[in-house]
N, C-alpha and C. Protein backbone atom coordinates (compact mmCIF):
# COMPACT_ATOMS: atom_id res chain seq x y z
N UNK A 1 12.52 9.26 6.86
CA UNK A 1 12.60 8.04 6.34
C UNK A 1 13.96 7.98 5.49
N UNK A 2 14.36 6.36 5.52
CA UNK A 2 15.65 6.47 5.46
C UNK A 2 15.76 6.32 3.63
N UNK A 3 16.95 6.43 3.25
CA UNK A 3 17.21 6.39 1.98
C UNK A 3 17.10 5.14 1.34
N UNK A 4 17.71 4.24 1.91
CA UNK A 4 17.67 2.88 1.70
C UNK A 4 16.11 2.05 2.07
N UNK A 5 15.26 2.74 1.56
CA UNK A 5 13.83 2.14 1.46
C UNK A 5 13.88 1.12 0.59
N UNK A 6 13.14 -0.27 1.13
CA UNK A 6 12.87 -1.27 -0.13
C UNK A 6 11.94 -0.64 -1.40
N UNK A 7 12.47 -1.49 -2.50
CA UNK A 7 11.81 -0.79 -3.83
C UNK A 7 10.31 -1.50 -3.63
N UNK A 8 9.67 -0.94 -4.45
CA UNK A 8 7.88 -1.33 -4.04
C UNK A 8 7.58 -1.67 -5.76
N UNK A 9 6.86 -2.78 -5.85
CA UNK A 9 6.56 -2.89 -7.36
C UNK A 9 5.29 -2.20 -7.92
N UNK A 10 5.35 -1.52 -8.60
CA UNK A 10 4.00 -1.10 -9.30
C UNK A 10 3.94 -1.11 -10.91
N UNK A 11 2.61 -1.70 -10.97
CA UNK A 11 2.40 -1.50 -12.69
C UNK A 11 2.69 -0.36 -13.24
N UNK A 12 2.50 0.02 -14.41
CA UNK A 12 2.45 1.37 -14.90
C UNK A 12 1.39 2.02 -14.55
N UNK A 13 0.13 1.29 -15.00
CA UNK A 13 -1.10 2.09 -14.43
C UNK A 13 -1.11 2.54 -13.37
N UNK A 14 -0.57 1.32 -11.99
CA UNK A 14 -0.62 1.89 -10.73
C UNK A 14 0.26 3.33 -10.56
N UNK A 15 1.35 3.30 -11.28
CA UNK A 15 1.59 4.48 -11.09
C UNK A 15 1.40 5.75 -11.45
N UNK A 16 0.61 5.57 -12.86
CA UNK A 16 0.42 6.91 -13.50
C UNK A 16 -0.55 7.21 -12.86
N UNK A 17 -1.33 6.32 -12.00
CA UNK A 17 -2.76 7.00 -11.19
C UNK A 17 -2.21 7.39 -10.21
N UNK A 18 -1.46 6.89 -9.30
CA UNK A 18 -0.48 7.53 -8.27
C UNK A 18 -0.24 8.93 -8.55
N UNK A 19 0.65 9.09 -9.59
CA UNK A 19 1.35 9.99 -10.11
C UNK A 19 0.15 11.60 -9.99
N UNK A 20 -0.87 11.00 -10.90
CA UNK A 20 -1.87 11.95 -11.14
C UNK A 20 -2.58 12.47 -9.94
N UNK A 21 -2.68 11.39 -8.92
CA UNK A 21 -3.44 11.96 -7.60
C UNK A 21 -2.30 12.62 -6.73
N UNK A 22 -1.30 12.37 -6.82
CA UNK A 22 -0.17 13.15 -6.11
C UNK A 22 -0.22 14.58 -6.89
N UNK A 23 0.05 14.73 -7.80
CA UNK A 23 -0.14 16.04 -8.86
C UNK A 23 -1.32 16.91 -8.40
N UNK A 24 -2.43 15.99 -8.55
CA UNK A 24 -3.72 17.13 -7.89
C UNK A 24 -3.81 17.34 -6.44
N UNK A 25 -3.50 16.32 -5.57
CA UNK A 25 -3.27 16.88 -4.26
C UNK A 25 -2.36 17.91 -3.73
N UNK A 26 -1.10 17.91 -4.62
CA UNK A 26 0.09 18.98 -4.33
C UNK A 26 -0.58 20.32 -5.23
N UNK A 27 -1.41 20.29 -5.80
CA UNK A 27 -1.74 21.67 -6.40
C UNK A 27 -3.19 22.23 -6.23
N UNK A 28 -4.27 21.37 -6.60
CA UNK A 28 -5.50 21.91 -6.79
C UNK A 28 -5.94 21.61 -5.17
N UNK A 29 -5.61 20.52 -4.64
CA UNK A 29 -5.88 19.71 -3.73
C UNK A 29 -5.63 21.10 -2.11
N UNK A 30 -4.50 21.45 -2.54
CA UNK A 30 -3.97 22.07 -1.46
C UNK A 30 -4.55 23.83 -1.78
N UNK A 31 -4.90 24.15 -2.87
CA UNK A 31 -5.60 25.23 -2.79
C UNK A 31 -6.73 25.54 -2.71
N UNK A 32 -7.67 24.12 -3.03
CA UNK A 32 -8.79 24.47 -2.23
C UNK A 32 -8.99 24.07 -0.88
N UNK A 33 -8.08 23.57 -0.25
CA UNK A 33 -8.23 23.33 1.29
C UNK A 33 -7.70 24.62 2.29
N UNK A 34 -6.80 25.28 1.20
CA UNK A 34 -6.45 26.65 1.66
C UNK A 34 -7.55 27.29 1.94
N UNK A 35 -8.26 27.54 0.76
CA UNK A 35 -9.69 28.41 0.60
C UNK A 35 -10.56 28.14 1.46
N UNK A 36 -10.81 26.87 2.08
CA UNK A 36 -11.62 26.30 3.22
C UNK A 36 -11.40 26.86 4.10
N UNK A 37 -10.12 26.61 4.97
CA UNK A 37 -9.40 27.44 5.88
C UNK A 37 -9.44 28.80 6.20
N UNK A 38 -9.22 29.44 5.07
CA UNK A 38 -9.44 30.69 4.93
C UNK A 38 -10.95 31.34 5.16
N UNK A 39 -11.98 30.46 4.68
CA UNK A 39 -13.20 30.86 4.52
C UNK A 39 -13.86 30.54 6.32
N UNK A 40 -13.33 29.60 6.25
CA UNK A 40 -13.68 29.35 8.17
C UNK A 40 -12.98 30.25 9.00
N UNK A 41 -11.81 30.79 8.75
CA UNK A 41 -11.06 31.63 9.85
C UNK A 41 -11.75 32.72 9.97
N UNK A 42 -12.43 33.16 8.51
CA UNK A 42 -13.13 34.70 8.61
C UNK A 42 -14.22 34.73 9.14
N UNK A 43 -14.86 33.32 9.74
CA UNK A 43 -16.21 33.07 10.35
C UNK A 43 -15.86 33.59 11.62
N UNK A 44 -14.59 34.17 12.29
CA UNK A 44 -14.96 34.33 13.60
C UNK A 44 -13.66 33.38 14.63
N UNK A 45 -14.13 33.05 15.91
CA UNK A 45 -13.86 32.44 16.98
C UNK A 45 -13.45 30.99 16.56
N UNK A 46 -12.34 30.53 16.27
CA UNK A 46 -11.43 29.90 15.83
C UNK A 46 -11.63 28.14 17.05
N UNK A 47 -11.70 28.85 18.15
CA UNK A 47 -12.10 27.81 19.41
C UNK A 47 -13.10 26.90 18.68
N UNK A 48 -14.25 27.56 18.45
CA UNK A 48 -15.65 26.94 18.73
C UNK A 48 -15.80 26.58 17.26
N UNK A 49 -15.15 26.91 16.30
CA UNK A 49 -15.26 26.71 14.99
C UNK A 49 -15.08 25.50 14.08
N UNK A 50 -16.20 24.80 14.13
CA UNK A 50 -15.89 23.31 13.85
C UNK A 50 -15.54 23.13 12.31
N UNK A 51 -15.71 24.18 11.41
CA UNK A 51 -15.63 24.17 10.10
C UNK A 51 -14.07 24.38 9.70
N UNK A 52 -13.43 25.17 10.73
CA UNK A 52 -11.97 25.49 10.49
C UNK A 52 -11.20 24.38 10.94
N UNK A 53 -11.55 23.37 12.36
CA UNK A 53 -10.68 22.35 12.67
C UNK A 53 -11.28 21.20 11.84
N UNK A 54 -12.33 20.69 11.26
CA UNK A 54 -12.11 19.81 10.04
C UNK A 54 -11.54 20.15 8.83
N UNK A 55 -11.61 21.13 8.78
CA UNK A 55 -10.52 21.73 7.22
C UNK A 55 -9.36 21.41 7.67
N UNK A 56 -8.87 21.93 8.91
CA UNK A 56 -7.31 21.51 9.26
C UNK A 56 -7.12 20.28 9.54
N UNK A 57 -8.18 19.37 10.04
CA UNK A 57 -7.66 17.87 9.83
C UNK A 57 -7.79 17.60 8.67
N UNK A 58 -8.25 17.88 7.79
CA UNK A 58 -8.54 17.16 6.28
C UNK A 58 -7.18 17.57 5.71
N UNK A 59 -6.65 18.93 5.85
CA UNK A 59 -5.49 19.33 5.54
C UNK A 59 -4.16 18.95 6.16
N UNK A 60 -4.46 18.37 7.06
CA UNK A 60 -3.18 17.00 7.79
C UNK A 60 -3.19 15.72 7.22
N UNK A 61 -4.42 15.52 6.82
CA UNK A 61 -4.75 14.10 6.31
C UNK A 61 -4.22 13.99 4.86
N UNK A 62 -4.41 15.06 4.17
CA UNK A 62 -3.93 15.26 2.69
C UNK A 62 -2.33 15.75 2.68
N UNK A 63 -1.77 16.18 3.52
CA UNK A 63 -0.24 16.51 3.57
C UNK A 63 0.41 14.97 3.75
N UNK A 64 -0.18 14.15 4.73
CA UNK A 64 0.35 12.62 4.94
C UNK A 64 0.38 11.81 3.88
N UNK A 65 -0.94 12.02 3.03
CA UNK A 65 -1.23 11.34 1.63
C UNK A 65 0.05 11.79 0.58
N UNK A 66 0.17 12.93 0.56
CA UNK A 66 1.35 13.49 -0.57
C UNK A 66 2.67 12.76 -0.30
N UNK A 67 3.24 12.95 1.20
CA UNK A 67 4.27 12.31 1.81
C UNK A 67 4.58 10.80 1.51
N UNK A 68 3.08 10.08 1.51
CA UNK A 68 3.27 8.68 1.30
C UNK A 68 3.05 8.15 -0.28
N UNK A 69 2.70 9.34 -1.06
CA UNK A 69 2.62 9.09 -2.37
C UNK A 69 4.00 9.61 -2.85
N UNK A 70 4.58 10.75 -2.37
CA UNK A 70 5.98 10.83 -2.88
C UNK A 70 7.05 9.99 -2.46
N UNK A 71 6.99 9.23 -1.29
CA UNK A 71 7.76 8.16 -0.85
C UNK A 71 7.57 6.69 -1.66
N UNK A 72 6.66 6.56 -2.09
CA UNK A 72 6.11 5.36 -2.98
C UNK A 72 6.34 5.33 -4.10
N UNK A 73 6.39 6.68 -4.84
CA UNK A 73 6.79 6.85 -6.16
C UNK A 73 8.12 6.79 -6.55
N UNK A 74 8.90 7.29 -5.46
CA UNK A 74 10.37 7.44 -5.43
C UNK A 74 11.05 6.41 -5.35
N UNK A 75 10.54 5.19 -4.54
CA UNK A 75 10.91 4.02 -4.43
C UNK A 75 10.31 2.94 -5.32
N UNK A 76 9.66 3.01 -6.08
CA UNK A 76 8.98 2.21 -7.21
C UNK A 76 9.73 1.63 -8.30
N UNK A 77 9.27 0.45 -8.39
CA UNK A 77 9.88 -0.14 -9.67
C UNK A 77 8.73 -0.29 -10.40
N UNK A 78 8.71 0.26 -11.55
CA UNK A 78 7.58 0.46 -12.26
C UNK A 78 7.70 -0.69 -13.76
N UNK A 79 6.86 -1.59 -13.82
CA UNK A 79 6.86 -2.36 -14.85
C UNK A 79 5.88 -3.47 -14.92
N UNK A 80 6.08 -4.51 -15.68
CA UNK A 80 5.08 -5.62 -15.77
C UNK A 80 5.33 -6.20 -14.36
N UNK A 81 4.42 -7.11 -13.75
CA UNK A 81 4.09 -7.91 -13.20
C UNK A 81 5.25 -8.98 -13.18
N UNK A 82 6.18 -9.33 -12.20
CA UNK A 82 7.29 -10.25 -12.57
C UNK A 82 6.50 -11.80 -12.98
N UNK A 83 7.43 -12.23 -13.96
CA UNK A 83 6.67 -13.37 -14.58
C UNK A 83 6.77 -14.59 -13.28
N UNK A 84 6.18 -15.40 -13.06
CA UNK A 84 5.92 -16.07 -11.73
C UNK A 84 6.95 -17.37 -12.32
N UNK A 85 7.90 -17.70 -11.25
CA UNK A 85 9.06 -18.87 -11.27
C UNK A 85 8.69 -19.85 -10.49
N UNK A 86 7.49 -19.73 -9.57
CA UNK A 86 6.94 -20.54 -8.48
C UNK A 86 7.69 -20.13 -7.22
N UNK A 87 8.42 -18.84 -7.18
CA UNK A 87 9.21 -18.09 -6.05
C UNK A 87 8.29 -17.02 -5.68
N UNK A 88 8.02 -16.88 -4.54
CA UNK A 88 7.22 -15.58 -3.79
C UNK A 88 8.08 -14.63 -3.98
N UNK A 89 7.55 -13.78 -4.64
CA UNK A 89 8.48 -12.20 -4.39
C UNK A 89 7.37 -11.06 -4.90
N UNK A 90 8.05 -9.94 -4.80
CA UNK A 90 6.77 -8.54 -4.40
C UNK A 90 5.92 -8.98 -6.16
N UNK A 91 4.87 -8.47 -6.19
CA UNK A 91 3.95 -8.69 -7.14
C UNK A 91 3.67 -9.91 -7.71
N UNK A 92 3.98 -10.92 -6.99
CA UNK A 92 3.18 -12.15 -7.46
C UNK A 92 1.94 -12.39 -6.33
N UNK A 93 1.04 -13.37 -6.86
CA UNK A 93 0.19 -14.20 -6.39
C UNK A 93 0.50 -15.17 -5.75
N UNK A 94 -0.28 -15.28 -4.43
CA UNK A 94 0.50 -16.48 -3.55
C UNK A 94 -0.93 -17.38 -3.10
N UNK A 95 -1.01 -18.57 -3.25
CA UNK A 95 -1.72 -19.18 -2.80
C UNK A 95 -1.36 -20.02 -1.69
N UNK A 96 -1.74 -20.20 -0.57
CA UNK A 96 -1.05 -20.68 0.58
C UNK A 96 -1.99 -21.42 1.65
N UNK A 97 -1.54 -22.04 2.17
CA UNK A 97 -2.40 -22.72 3.18
C UNK A 97 -1.89 -22.29 4.77
N UNK A 98 -2.52 -21.37 5.12
CA UNK A 98 -2.26 -20.77 6.42
C UNK A 98 -2.82 -21.01 7.53
N UNK A 99 -2.20 -21.55 8.20
CA UNK A 99 -2.91 -22.06 9.66
C UNK A 99 -4.07 -22.97 9.32
N UNK A 100 -4.00 -23.72 8.43
CA UNK A 100 -5.29 -24.64 7.97
C UNK A 100 -5.81 -24.19 7.03
N UNK A 101 -5.85 -22.95 6.33
CA UNK A 101 -6.96 -22.61 5.37
C UNK A 101 -6.31 -22.10 4.50
N UNK A 102 -6.97 -22.31 3.32
CA UNK A 102 -6.34 -21.73 2.27
C UNK A 102 -6.40 -20.41 1.66
N UNK A 103 -5.36 -19.57 1.37
CA UNK A 103 -5.89 -18.13 1.06
C UNK A 103 -5.12 -17.82 -0.28
N UNK A 104 -5.82 -16.96 -0.96
CA UNK A 104 -5.17 -16.40 -2.32
C UNK A 104 -5.00 -14.73 -2.24
N UNK A 105 -3.71 -14.44 -2.21
CA UNK A 105 -3.51 -12.84 -2.10
C UNK A 105 -2.49 -12.35 -2.93
N UNK A 106 -2.23 -11.21 -3.18
CA UNK A 106 -1.29 -10.58 -3.82
C UNK A 106 -0.16 -9.83 -2.87
N UNK A 107 0.99 -10.49 -3.13
CA UNK A 107 2.52 -9.86 -1.80
C UNK A 107 2.82 -8.68 -2.51
N UNK A 108 2.82 -7.69 -2.12
CA UNK A 108 2.94 -6.57 -2.81
C UNK A 108 2.16 -5.12 -1.59
N UNK A 109 2.24 -4.05 -2.68
CA UNK A 109 1.74 -2.89 -2.15
C UNK A 109 0.22 -2.56 -2.31
N UNK A 110 -0.26 -2.23 -1.75
CA UNK A 110 -2.07 -2.27 -1.55
C UNK A 110 -2.66 -1.24 -2.96
N UNK A 111 -1.27 -0.60 -3.29
CA UNK A 111 -1.80 0.67 -4.12
C UNK A 111 -1.75 -0.30 -5.54
N UNK A 112 -1.22 -1.56 -5.85
CA UNK A 112 -1.06 -2.14 -7.20
C UNK A 112 -2.35 -2.72 -7.10
N UNK A 113 -3.14 -3.33 -6.52
CA UNK A 113 -4.50 -4.08 -6.55
C UNK A 113 -5.58 -2.99 -6.25
N UNK A 114 -5.48 -1.75 -6.84
CA UNK A 114 -6.63 -1.14 -6.22
C UNK A 114 -7.72 -1.49 -7.00
N UNK A 115 -9.22 -1.70 -6.71
CA UNK A 115 -10.05 -1.96 -7.54
C UNK A 115 -10.38 -3.58 -7.92
N UNK A 116 -8.93 -4.41 -7.24
CA UNK A 116 -9.06 -5.81 -7.39
C UNK A 116 -9.88 -6.50 -5.99
N UNK A 117 -10.19 -7.65 -6.04
CA UNK A 117 -10.79 -8.08 -5.20
C UNK A 117 -10.14 -8.97 -4.15
N UNK A 118 -8.74 -8.97 -4.70
CA UNK A 118 -7.51 -9.48 -4.04
C UNK A 118 -7.36 -9.08 -2.70
N UNK A 119 -6.93 -9.84 -1.78
CA UNK A 119 -6.09 -9.10 -0.37
C UNK A 119 -4.69 -9.18 -0.81
N UNK A 120 -4.05 -7.88 -0.09
CA UNK A 120 -2.78 -7.71 -0.22
C UNK A 120 -2.07 -7.63 0.83
N UNK A 121 -0.95 -8.37 0.74
CA UNK A 121 -0.02 -8.31 2.14
C UNK A 121 1.21 -7.63 1.57
N UNK A 122 1.80 -6.70 2.44
CA UNK A 122 3.44 -6.35 2.17
C UNK A 122 4.04 -7.12 2.42
N UNK A 123 5.31 -6.97 1.59
CA UNK A 123 6.49 -7.83 1.94
C UNK A 123 6.91 -7.63 3.19
N UNK A 124 6.51 -6.48 3.84
CA UNK A 124 7.32 -6.31 5.36
C UNK A 124 6.27 -6.70 6.28
N UNK A 125 5.45 -7.17 6.34
CA UNK A 125 4.50 -7.61 7.11
C UNK A 125 4.85 -9.22 7.56
N UNK A 126 4.42 -9.24 8.95
CA UNK A 126 5.11 -10.80 9.13
C UNK A 126 4.93 -11.99 8.16
N UNK A 127 3.65 -11.98 7.67
CA UNK A 127 3.67 -13.00 6.72
C UNK A 127 4.57 -12.93 5.41
N UNK A 128 4.33 -11.69 5.21
CA UNK A 128 5.14 -11.10 3.76
C UNK A 128 6.62 -11.60 3.64
N UNK A 129 7.15 -11.00 5.03
CA UNK A 129 8.80 -11.25 5.35
C UNK A 129 9.06 -12.84 5.39
N UNK A 130 8.22 -13.56 5.98
CA UNK A 130 8.22 -15.10 6.11
C UNK A 130 8.41 -15.71 5.10
N UNK A 131 7.53 -15.40 4.16
CA UNK A 131 7.24 -16.28 2.82
C UNK A 131 8.20 -15.76 1.71
N UNK A 132 8.58 -14.36 1.64
CA UNK A 132 9.53 -13.81 0.46
C UNK A 132 10.48 -15.05 0.34
N UNK A 133 10.57 -15.33 -0.93
CA UNK A 133 11.82 -15.98 -1.68
C UNK A 133 11.57 -17.48 -1.48
N UNK A 134 10.33 -18.01 -0.73
CA UNK A 134 10.24 -19.32 -0.74
C UNK A 134 9.29 -20.16 -1.85
N UNK A 135 9.69 -21.20 -2.48
CA UNK A 135 9.06 -22.08 -3.61
C UNK A 135 7.86 -22.65 -3.30
N UNK A 136 6.85 -22.97 -4.37
CA UNK A 136 5.99 -23.54 -4.12
C UNK A 136 6.35 -25.13 -3.38
N UNK A 137 5.60 -25.20 -2.57
CA UNK A 137 5.79 -26.46 -1.97
C UNK A 137 6.58 -26.35 -0.59
N UNK A 138 7.10 -25.13 -0.39
CA UNK A 138 8.12 -24.69 0.98
C UNK A 138 7.08 -24.44 1.99
N UNK A 139 7.38 -24.61 3.33
CA UNK A 139 6.73 -24.56 4.41
C UNK A 139 7.82 -23.50 5.42
N UNK A 140 6.90 -22.99 6.18
CA UNK A 140 7.80 -22.17 7.20
C UNK A 140 6.69 -21.52 8.56
N UNK A 141 6.98 -21.29 9.52
CA UNK A 141 6.19 -20.53 10.25
C UNK A 141 6.67 -18.99 10.68
N UNK A 142 5.69 -18.45 10.71
CA UNK A 142 6.01 -16.83 11.42
C UNK A 142 5.36 -16.43 12.68
N UNK A 143 5.88 -15.51 13.27
CA UNK A 143 4.61 -15.11 14.58
C UNK A 143 4.18 -13.86 14.36
N UNK A 144 2.87 -14.19 14.51
CA UNK A 144 2.10 -13.15 14.30
C UNK A 144 1.85 -11.91 15.41
N UNK A 145 1.17 -10.50 15.18
CA UNK A 145 1.71 -9.66 16.08
C UNK A 145 1.07 -10.00 17.43
N UNK A 146 0.00 -10.78 17.38
CA UNK A 146 -0.42 -11.37 18.90
C UNK A 146 0.57 -12.13 19.71
N UNK A 147 1.51 -12.82 18.86
CA UNK A 147 2.81 -13.64 19.67
C UNK A 147 2.39 -15.08 19.23
N UNK A 148 1.46 -15.58 18.33
CA UNK A 148 1.24 -16.66 17.93
C UNK A 148 2.01 -17.55 17.08
N UNK A 149 2.45 -18.30 16.98
CA UNK A 149 2.95 -19.11 15.76
C UNK A 149 1.89 -19.52 14.81
N UNK A 150 2.14 -19.25 13.39
CA UNK A 150 1.25 -19.81 12.41
C UNK A 150 2.11 -20.50 11.34
N UNK A 151 1.54 -21.47 10.95
CA UNK A 151 2.26 -22.00 10.12
C UNK A 151 1.61 -21.96 8.54
N UNK A 152 2.62 -21.80 7.54
CA UNK A 152 2.31 -21.39 6.10
C UNK A 152 3.14 -22.58 5.27
N UNK A 153 2.34 -22.86 4.26
CA UNK A 153 2.93 -23.75 3.04
C UNK A 153 2.36 -23.02 1.86
N UNK A 154 3.30 -22.81 1.17
CA UNK A 154 2.92 -22.21 -0.36
C UNK A 154 2.40 -23.41 -1.10
N UNK A 155 1.14 -22.91 -1.83
CA UNK A 155 0.78 -24.08 -2.61
C UNK A 155 0.91 -23.47 -3.93
N UNK A 156 0.90 -22.47 -4.40
CA UNK A 156 1.04 -22.13 -5.83
C UNK A 156 1.27 -20.40 -6.02
N UNK A 157 2.29 -20.10 -6.72
CA UNK A 157 2.75 -18.93 -7.30
C UNK A 157 2.47 -18.47 -8.64
N UNK A 158 1.62 -17.36 -8.93
CA UNK A 158 1.57 -17.16 -10.25
C UNK A 158 1.62 -15.65 -10.74
N UNK A 159 1.77 -15.24 -11.59
CA UNK A 159 1.95 -13.94 -12.03
C UNK A 159 0.47 -13.15 -12.01
N UNK A 160 0.68 -11.64 -11.39
CA UNK A 160 -0.42 -10.87 -11.35
C UNK A 160 -0.85 -10.61 -12.27
N UNK A 161 -1.88 -10.59 -12.77
CA UNK A 161 -2.53 -10.18 -13.90
C UNK A 161 -3.26 -8.85 -13.73
N UNK A 162 -3.75 -8.09 -12.98
CA UNK A 162 -4.33 -7.00 -12.70
C UNK A 162 -5.92 -7.34 -11.96
N UNK A 163 -5.85 -8.33 -12.00
CA UNK A 163 -7.21 -8.68 -11.44
C UNK A 163 -7.29 -9.40 -10.10
């Protein structure tokens, strides 16, 4: 991963929750998985040992989550959601007319809105990249992953309040 990764906005609550998860996975989580792998290894033939393979798979997923959290926290800009000035930026709630239908979503990282009903779009997604920096009333188009051109009009930009 490059060192010039973009900053990700996180609320203090989200940062603290993710830091706690990272601490748990890096210590207790690793110890627990190592014990399960060792116990499964002692059962004998590893080729046919489903418990061993399941534990190794879980270990791989856990290590991937640890790397994701480390990267996210390292590149996090922690604080209050940016006060909306009508400009689409990371950490704002956007209401937009997308291909003829109105949608309201948070622009940022899905970790911010854990437990929220809001959909979340990354700034790096095709939609997020297309609307970043636009003002209320602005329109643009972006190319979806399927190659289709999609029109977007920014209706409203508000401050994220955590709901």
